[in-house]
N, C-alpha and C. Protein backbone atom coordinates (compact mmCIF):
# COMPACT_ATOMS: atom_id res chain seq x y z
N UNK A 1 -10.82 -30.57 72.11
CA UNK A 1 -10.78 -30.70 70.71
C UNK A 1 -9.96 -29.55 70.14
N UNK A 2 -9.14 -29.95 69.27
CA UNK A 2 -8.22 -28.98 68.69
C UNK A 2 -8.74 -28.58 67.30
N UNK A 3 -8.86 -27.30 67.03
CA UNK A 3 -9.33 -26.79 65.73
C UNK A 3 -8.12 -26.58 64.85
N UNK A 4 -8.19 -27.24 63.72
CA UNK A 4 -7.07 -27.15 62.79
C UNK A 4 -7.22 -25.94 61.89
N UNK A 5 -6.20 -25.18 61.81
CA UNK A 5 -6.23 -23.96 61.02
C UNK A 5 -5.85 -24.30 59.58
N UNK A 6 -6.63 -23.80 58.63
CA UNK A 6 -6.32 -24.05 57.22
C UNK A 6 -5.14 -23.21 56.79
N UNK A 7 -4.29 -23.81 55.99
CA UNK A 7 -3.13 -23.05 55.52
C UNK A 7 -3.56 -22.12 54.38
N UNK A 8 -3.09 -20.95 54.44
CA UNK A 8 -3.45 -19.95 53.43
C UNK A 8 -2.37 -19.96 52.35
N UNK A 9 -2.82 -20.19 51.12
CA UNK A 9 -1.87 -20.20 50.01
C UNK A 9 -1.63 -18.78 49.54
N UNK A 10 -0.40 -18.50 49.22
CA UNK A 10 -0.06 -17.18 48.72
C UNK A 10 -0.52 -17.06 47.27
N UNK A 11 -1.00 -15.91 46.92
CA UNK A 11 -1.40 -15.67 45.54
C UNK A 11 -0.14 -15.51 44.69
N UNK A 12 -0.17 -16.07 43.50
CA UNK A 12 0.98 -15.93 42.62
C UNK A 12 0.51 -15.71 41.18
N UNK A 13 1.33 -15.07 40.45
CA UNK A 13 1.00 -14.75 39.06
C UNK A 13 1.53 -15.87 38.18
N UNK A 14 0.64 -16.45 37.39
CA UNK A 14 1.03 -17.50 36.46
C UNK A 14 1.62 -16.84 35.22
N UNK A 15 2.84 -17.17 34.88
CA UNK A 15 3.53 -16.52 33.77
C UNK A 15 3.22 -17.15 32.40
N UNK A 16 2.99 -18.42 32.34
CA UNK A 16 2.81 -19.08 31.05
C UNK A 16 1.59 -18.54 30.29
N UNK A 17 0.42 -18.39 30.89
CA UNK A 17 -0.70 -17.79 30.14
C UNK A 17 -0.42 -16.35 29.72
N UNK A 18 0.32 -15.61 30.55
CA UNK A 18 0.64 -14.23 30.19
C UNK A 18 1.61 -14.19 29.01
N UNK A 19 2.58 -15.11 28.97
CA UNK A 19 3.50 -15.18 27.84
C UNK A 19 2.76 -15.55 26.56
N UNK A 20 1.83 -16.49 26.65
CA UNK A 20 1.03 -16.87 25.48
C UNK A 20 0.23 -15.68 24.96
N UNK A 21 -0.35 -14.95 25.86
CA UNK A 21 -1.14 -13.77 25.47
C UNK A 21 -0.26 -12.71 24.82
N UNK A 22 0.90 -12.48 25.38
CA UNK A 22 1.81 -11.47 24.81
C UNK A 22 2.32 -11.91 23.43
N UNK A 23 2.59 -13.20 23.26
CA UNK A 23 3.03 -13.69 21.94
C UNK A 23 1.91 -13.51 20.91
N UNK A 24 0.69 -13.82 21.30
CA UNK A 24 -0.45 -13.63 20.40
C UNK A 24 -0.59 -12.16 20.02
N UNK A 25 -0.50 -11.26 20.98
CA UNK A 25 -0.62 -9.83 20.68
C UNK A 25 0.51 -9.35 19.78
N UNK A 26 1.72 -9.84 19.99
CA UNK A 26 2.85 -9.46 19.16
C UNK A 26 2.61 -9.87 17.71
N UNK A 27 2.20 -11.11 17.49
CA UNK A 27 1.92 -11.58 16.12
C UNK A 27 0.77 -10.80 15.51
N UNK A 28 -0.27 -10.55 16.27
CA UNK A 28 -1.42 -9.80 15.76
C UNK A 28 -1.01 -8.41 15.29
N UNK A 29 -0.24 -7.69 16.10
CA UNK A 29 0.15 -6.34 15.72
C UNK A 29 1.17 -6.32 14.59
N UNK A 30 2.00 -7.35 14.49
CA UNK A 30 2.92 -7.43 13.35
C UNK A 30 2.14 -7.60 12.05
N UNK A 31 1.16 -8.48 12.04
CA UNK A 31 0.36 -8.70 10.83
C UNK A 31 -0.47 -7.47 10.51
N UNK A 32 -1.02 -6.85 11.53
CA UNK A 32 -1.84 -5.65 11.30
C UNK A 32 -1.00 -4.51 10.75
N UNK A 33 0.22 -4.34 11.23
CA UNK A 33 1.07 -3.26 10.73
C UNK A 33 1.52 -3.53 9.30
N UNK A 34 1.76 -4.79 8.95
CA UNK A 34 2.12 -5.12 7.57
C UNK A 34 0.96 -4.85 6.62
N UNK A 35 -0.25 -5.11 7.07
CA UNK A 35 -1.42 -4.86 6.23
C UNK A 35 -1.61 -3.38 5.97
N UNK A 36 -1.18 -2.54 6.88
CA UNK A 36 -1.36 -1.10 6.72
C UNK A 36 -0.32 -0.47 5.82
N UNK A 37 0.79 -1.16 5.54
CA UNK A 37 1.86 -0.57 4.75
C UNK A 37 1.82 -0.98 3.29
N UNK A 38 0.77 -1.62 2.85
CA UNK A 38 0.70 -2.02 1.46
C UNK A 38 0.45 -0.82 0.57
N UNK A 39 0.87 -0.97 -0.67
CA UNK A 39 0.72 0.11 -1.62
C UNK A 39 -0.76 0.37 -1.90
N UNK A 40 -1.09 1.60 -2.22
CA UNK A 40 -2.47 1.99 -2.43
C UNK A 40 -3.02 1.52 -3.78
N UNK A 41 -2.15 1.18 -4.72
CA UNK A 41 -2.60 0.79 -6.06
C UNK A 41 -2.94 -0.68 -6.16
N UNK A 42 -3.50 -1.05 -7.29
CA UNK A 42 -3.84 -2.43 -7.58
C UNK A 42 -2.58 -3.18 -8.01
N UNK A 43 -2.52 -4.49 -7.78
CA UNK A 43 -1.33 -5.24 -8.20
C UNK A 43 -1.29 -5.41 -9.71
N UNK A 44 -0.20 -4.99 -10.33
CA UNK A 44 0.01 -5.12 -11.77
C UNK A 44 1.44 -5.57 -12.02
N UNK A 45 1.72 -6.02 -13.22
CA UNK A 45 3.06 -6.43 -13.62
C UNK A 45 3.80 -5.19 -14.12
N UNK A 46 4.58 -4.59 -13.26
CA UNK A 46 5.25 -3.33 -13.58
C UNK A 46 6.41 -3.56 -14.55
N UNK A 47 6.72 -2.55 -15.38
CA UNK A 47 7.90 -2.66 -16.26
C UNK A 47 9.18 -2.57 -15.45
N UNK A 48 10.27 -3.11 -16.00
CA UNK A 48 11.57 -3.11 -15.32
C UNK A 48 12.32 -1.82 -15.61
N UNK A 49 13.16 -1.43 -14.65
CA UNK A 49 14.02 -0.27 -14.85
C UNK A 49 15.25 -0.41 -13.97
N UNK A 50 16.42 -0.31 -14.58
CA UNK A 50 17.66 -0.38 -13.81
C UNK A 50 17.86 0.88 -12.99
N UNK A 51 17.35 1.99 -13.48
CA UNK A 51 17.55 3.26 -12.79
C UNK A 51 16.48 3.53 -11.74
N UNK A 52 15.51 2.64 -11.60
CA UNK A 52 14.43 2.86 -10.64
C UNK A 52 14.94 2.80 -9.21
N UNK A 53 14.48 3.72 -8.40
CA UNK A 53 14.84 3.76 -6.98
C UNK A 53 13.57 3.70 -6.16
N UNK A 54 13.65 3.02 -5.03
CA UNK A 54 12.47 2.88 -4.18
C UNK A 54 12.15 4.21 -3.51
N UNK A 55 10.92 4.64 -3.62
CA UNK A 55 10.45 5.88 -3.02
C UNK A 55 9.21 5.57 -2.20
N UNK A 56 9.08 6.21 -1.08
CA UNK A 56 7.87 6.10 -0.28
C UNK A 56 7.37 7.49 0.05
N UNK A 57 6.11 7.70 -0.24
CA UNK A 57 5.50 8.99 0.05
C UNK A 57 4.46 8.87 1.14
N UNK A 58 4.19 7.67 1.60
CA UNK A 58 3.22 7.48 2.68
C UNK A 58 1.83 7.90 2.26
N UNK A 59 1.24 8.77 3.04
CA UNK A 59 -0.12 9.22 2.74
C UNK A 59 -0.13 10.42 1.81
N UNK A 60 1.02 10.79 1.27
CA UNK A 60 1.10 11.93 0.36
C UNK A 60 1.05 11.50 -1.10
N UNK A 61 0.47 10.34 -1.39
CA UNK A 61 0.42 9.88 -2.77
C UNK A 61 -0.99 9.52 -3.19
N UNK A 62 -1.23 9.69 -4.48
CA UNK A 62 -2.45 9.24 -5.13
C UNK A 62 -1.98 8.31 -6.24
N UNK A 63 -2.53 7.11 -6.30
CA UNK A 63 -2.06 6.11 -7.26
C UNK A 63 -3.09 5.92 -8.36
N UNK A 64 -2.63 6.11 -9.60
CA UNK A 64 -3.44 5.79 -10.78
C UNK A 64 -2.91 4.47 -11.31
N UNK A 65 -3.76 3.45 -11.36
CA UNK A 65 -3.35 2.13 -11.82
C UNK A 65 -4.04 1.83 -13.14
N UNK A 66 -3.24 1.40 -14.11
CA UNK A 66 -3.76 0.94 -15.40
C UNK A 66 -3.39 -0.53 -15.52
N UNK A 67 -4.41 -1.42 -15.55
CA UNK A 67 -4.10 -2.84 -15.62
C UNK A 67 -4.01 -3.31 -17.07
N UNK A 68 -3.63 -4.55 -17.27
CA UNK A 68 -3.38 -5.10 -18.61
C UNK A 68 -4.65 -5.15 -19.45
N UNK A 69 -5.80 -5.22 -18.83
CA UNK A 69 -7.07 -5.31 -19.55
C UNK A 69 -7.52 -3.93 -20.05
N UNK A 70 -7.03 -2.88 -19.44
CA UNK A 70 -7.39 -1.52 -19.85
C UNK A 70 -8.22 -0.77 -18.83
N UNK A 71 -8.44 -1.36 -17.67
CA UNK A 71 -9.21 -0.68 -16.62
C UNK A 71 -8.30 0.32 -15.91
N UNK A 72 -8.91 1.39 -15.43
CA UNK A 72 -8.18 2.44 -14.71
C UNK A 72 -8.74 2.51 -13.29
N UNK A 73 -7.83 2.58 -12.33
CA UNK A 73 -8.21 2.68 -10.92
C UNK A 73 -7.55 3.90 -10.32
N UNK A 74 -8.27 4.55 -9.42
CA UNK A 74 -7.71 5.64 -8.63
C UNK A 74 -7.74 5.18 -7.18
N UNK A 75 -6.56 4.83 -6.65
CA UNK A 75 -6.46 4.27 -5.30
C UNK A 75 -7.41 3.10 -5.10
N UNK A 76 -7.34 2.10 -5.94
CA UNK A 76 -8.10 0.86 -5.89
C UNK A 76 -9.59 1.02 -6.21
N UNK A 77 -10.01 2.20 -6.63
CA UNK A 77 -11.41 2.40 -7.01
C UNK A 77 -11.48 2.55 -8.52
N UNK A 78 -12.31 1.75 -9.19
CA UNK A 78 -12.40 1.86 -10.65
C UNK A 78 -12.95 3.23 -11.06
N UNK A 79 -12.36 3.78 -12.11
CA UNK A 79 -12.78 5.09 -12.60
C UNK A 79 -12.60 5.09 -14.12
N UNK A 80 -13.46 5.80 -14.81
CA UNK A 80 -13.34 5.93 -16.26
C UNK A 80 -12.33 7.03 -16.58
N UNK A 81 -11.70 6.91 -17.75
CA UNK A 81 -10.71 7.92 -18.15
C UNK A 81 -11.34 9.30 -18.24
N UNK A 82 -12.59 9.37 -18.67
CA UNK A 82 -13.27 10.66 -18.80
C UNK A 82 -13.47 11.35 -17.44
N UNK A 83 -13.66 10.56 -16.39
CA UNK A 83 -13.88 11.17 -15.07
C UNK A 83 -12.64 11.14 -14.18
N UNK A 84 -11.51 10.66 -14.70
CA UNK A 84 -10.27 10.61 -13.92
C UNK A 84 -9.81 12.01 -13.52
N UNK A 85 -9.85 12.95 -14.43
CA UNK A 85 -9.41 14.31 -14.14
C UNK A 85 -10.22 14.96 -13.04
N UNK A 86 -11.53 14.77 -13.08
CA UNK A 86 -12.40 15.37 -12.06
C UNK A 86 -12.16 14.73 -10.69
N UNK A 87 -11.97 13.41 -10.65
CA UNK A 87 -11.72 12.73 -9.39
C UNK A 87 -10.37 13.17 -8.80
N UNK A 88 -9.38 13.33 -9.66
CA UNK A 88 -8.07 13.81 -9.20
C UNK A 88 -8.13 15.26 -8.73
N UNK A 89 -8.89 16.07 -9.44
CA UNK A 89 -9.01 17.48 -9.07
C UNK A 89 -9.60 17.61 -7.66
N UNK A 90 -10.58 16.75 -7.35
CA UNK A 90 -11.17 16.79 -6.02
C UNK A 90 -10.16 16.38 -4.95
N UNK A 91 -9.32 15.39 -5.25
CA UNK A 91 -8.30 14.96 -4.28
C UNK A 91 -7.19 16.00 -4.13
N UNK A 92 -6.78 16.61 -5.25
CA UNK A 92 -5.67 17.57 -5.21
C UNK A 92 -6.09 18.93 -4.65
N UNK A 93 -7.38 19.21 -4.66
CA UNK A 93 -7.85 20.49 -4.13
C UNK A 93 -7.63 20.57 -2.62
N UNK A 94 -7.77 19.45 -1.93
CA UNK A 94 -7.60 19.43 -0.48
C UNK A 94 -6.14 19.46 -0.05
N UNK A 95 -5.27 18.80 -0.85
CA UNK A 95 -3.85 18.71 -0.49
C UNK A 95 -3.01 18.93 -1.73
N UNK A 96 -2.25 19.99 -1.74
CA UNK A 96 -1.42 20.30 -2.90
C UNK A 96 -0.08 19.55 -2.88
N UNK A 97 0.27 18.90 -1.75
CA UNK A 97 1.56 18.19 -1.66
C UNK A 97 1.50 16.75 -2.15
N UNK A 98 0.36 16.33 -2.70
CA UNK A 98 0.21 14.94 -3.15
C UNK A 98 1.04 14.65 -4.39
N UNK A 99 1.61 13.46 -4.43
CA UNK A 99 2.36 12.97 -5.58
C UNK A 99 1.47 11.98 -6.31
N UNK A 100 1.31 12.16 -7.61
CA UNK A 100 0.51 11.24 -8.42
C UNK A 100 1.45 10.16 -8.96
N UNK A 101 1.21 8.91 -8.55
CA UNK A 101 2.04 7.78 -8.97
C UNK A 101 1.27 7.00 -10.02
N UNK A 102 1.86 6.86 -11.21
CA UNK A 102 1.25 6.08 -12.29
C UNK A 102 1.78 4.66 -12.19
N UNK A 103 0.89 3.74 -11.92
CA UNK A 103 1.21 2.34 -11.69
C UNK A 103 0.63 1.55 -12.85
N UNK A 104 1.36 1.46 -13.98
CA UNK A 104 0.83 0.87 -15.20
C UNK A 104 1.46 -0.49 -15.47
N UNK A 105 0.64 -1.44 -15.89
CA UNK A 105 1.12 -2.75 -16.30
C UNK A 105 2.02 -2.59 -17.51
N UNK A 106 3.01 -3.47 -17.65
CA UNK A 106 3.96 -3.32 -18.76
C UNK A 106 3.33 -3.61 -20.13
N UNK A 107 2.14 -4.22 -20.15
CA UNK A 107 1.48 -4.50 -21.43
C UNK A 107 0.48 -3.42 -21.83
N UNK A 108 0.33 -2.38 -21.03
CA UNK A 108 -0.59 -1.29 -21.34
C UNK A 108 -0.02 -0.46 -22.49
N UNK A 109 -0.89 -0.04 -23.38
CA UNK A 109 -0.45 0.80 -24.50
C UNK A 109 0.10 2.13 -23.97
N UNK A 110 1.13 2.59 -24.62
CA UNK A 110 1.77 3.84 -24.21
C UNK A 110 0.78 5.01 -24.27
N UNK A 111 -0.10 4.99 -25.25
CA UNK A 111 -1.08 6.07 -25.38
C UNK A 111 -2.01 6.15 -24.20
N UNK A 112 -2.37 5.00 -23.61
CA UNK A 112 -3.25 5.01 -22.43
C UNK A 112 -2.54 5.61 -21.21
N UNK A 113 -1.25 5.32 -21.07
CA UNK A 113 -0.48 5.89 -19.96
C UNK A 113 -0.37 7.40 -20.12
N UNK A 114 -0.10 7.84 -21.36
CA UNK A 114 0.01 9.28 -21.62
C UNK A 114 -1.32 9.98 -21.37
N UNK A 115 -2.42 9.33 -21.74
CA UNK A 115 -3.75 9.93 -21.52
C UNK A 115 -4.02 10.09 -20.02
N UNK A 116 -3.64 9.08 -19.22
CA UNK A 116 -3.85 9.16 -17.77
C UNK A 116 -2.97 10.26 -17.17
N UNK A 117 -1.71 10.35 -17.64
CA UNK A 117 -0.83 11.39 -17.13
C UNK A 117 -1.29 12.77 -17.54
N UNK A 118 -1.84 12.88 -18.73
CA UNK A 118 -2.37 14.16 -19.21
C UNK A 118 -3.57 14.58 -18.37
N UNK A 119 -4.42 13.63 -18.02
CA UNK A 119 -5.58 13.94 -17.17
C UNK A 119 -5.12 14.40 -15.79
N UNK A 120 -4.07 13.77 -15.28
CA UNK A 120 -3.53 14.18 -13.97
C UNK A 120 -2.93 15.58 -14.03
N UNK A 121 -2.21 15.86 -15.10
CA UNK A 121 -1.61 17.20 -15.24
C UNK A 121 -2.69 18.26 -15.39
N UNK A 122 -3.72 17.95 -16.16
CA UNK A 122 -4.83 18.90 -16.33
C UNK A 122 -5.59 19.12 -15.02
N UNK A 123 -5.58 18.11 -14.14
CA UNK A 123 -6.27 18.24 -12.86
C UNK A 123 -5.46 19.06 -11.86
N UNK A 124 -4.21 19.35 -12.19
CA UNK A 124 -3.40 20.19 -11.31
C UNK A 124 -2.31 19.46 -10.57
N UNK A 125 -1.94 18.29 -11.03
CA UNK A 125 -0.87 17.53 -10.38
C UNK A 125 0.47 18.21 -10.64
N UNK A 126 1.16 18.59 -9.60
CA UNK A 126 2.45 19.25 -9.76
C UNK A 126 3.59 18.24 -9.75
N UNK A 127 3.41 17.14 -9.01
CA UNK A 127 4.45 16.12 -8.92
C UNK A 127 3.88 14.78 -9.38
N UNK A 128 4.63 14.11 -10.27
CA UNK A 128 4.19 12.80 -10.78
C UNK A 128 5.37 11.84 -10.76
N UNK A 129 5.07 10.55 -10.66
CA UNK A 129 6.09 9.51 -10.69
C UNK A 129 5.51 8.29 -11.40
N UNK A 130 6.39 7.51 -12.03
CA UNK A 130 5.98 6.28 -12.69
C UNK A 130 6.56 5.12 -11.90
N UNK A 131 5.72 4.19 -11.49
CA UNK A 131 6.16 3.04 -10.71
C UNK A 131 6.81 2.02 -11.62
N UNK A 132 7.96 1.50 -11.21
CA UNK A 132 8.68 0.46 -11.95
C UNK A 132 9.09 -0.65 -11.00
N UNK A 133 9.52 -1.75 -11.59
CA UNK A 133 10.02 -2.88 -10.81
C UNK A 133 11.53 -2.86 -10.90
N UNK A 134 12.24 -2.99 -9.78
CA UNK A 134 13.71 -2.96 -9.83
C UNK A 134 14.26 -4.13 -10.64
N UNK A 135 15.35 -3.91 -11.35
CA UNK A 135 15.95 -4.95 -12.18
C UNK A 135 16.57 -6.06 -11.36
N UNK A 136 17.00 -5.80 -10.13
CA UNK A 136 17.63 -6.85 -9.32
C UNK A 136 16.63 -7.95 -8.98
N UNK A 137 15.32 -7.65 -8.94
CA UNK A 137 14.33 -8.68 -8.71
C UNK A 137 14.11 -9.53 -9.95
N UNK A 138 14.38 -8.99 -11.12
CA UNK A 138 14.17 -9.71 -12.35
C UNK A 138 15.13 -10.90 -12.44
N UNK A 139 16.36 -10.74 -12.02
CA UNK A 139 17.34 -11.82 -12.10
C UNK A 139 16.91 -13.00 -11.24
N UNK A 140 16.36 -12.73 -10.07
CA UNK A 140 15.93 -13.84 -9.20
C UNK A 140 14.66 -14.49 -9.70
N UNK A 141 13.80 -13.76 -10.41
CA UNK A 141 12.56 -14.33 -10.94
C UNK A 141 12.82 -15.24 -12.14
N UNK A 142 13.86 -14.96 -12.92
CA UNK A 142 14.10 -15.73 -14.13
C UNK A 142 14.75 -17.08 -13.84
N UNK A 143 15.27 -17.28 -12.64
CA UNK A 143 15.94 -18.54 -12.32
C UNK A 143 14.97 -19.61 -11.92
C-alpha cells in the first residue's frame, strides 16, 4: 500500500484586503486631519474686505466671536461681555504670544465690536486681528 503525501500549499499574502484596509485608513486620517484644522471660532457671516489677507496662527490664537443675535463666544464657549476680560486675562496670563482674533458677524453693531476689543485690550492683549471674508469669494457667491 502506497501512502499518498499531501501537498503543502505555500503561504501567501493576500493583497486585496490589505489594499482595502490601507484605503480606509487613508480616508479616515484625511477626514480626521481636516476636522482638526477648523477655525476655533463659531461660524458667522463675516464682513468683506478687499485688503484682507489669509493669516494662520495655529494654536497661538484666541477667537472672540460675536454673532448676529448678540451672543459672545470665546473659542466656541459662550461668555458674557462683563466676564470676557477676566476669561481673556486667564488665557493671556499663560501665553503672552497669543493673538486675539475678533470674528464678528457683519450685522453686529459697531459698538459691540469695540466693547469686545476694549475688553481684550484691558485684559492685556498685545496683538489683535479682525477676521474678514475675502472679496474674491463674494463674486462667486453672487452668481
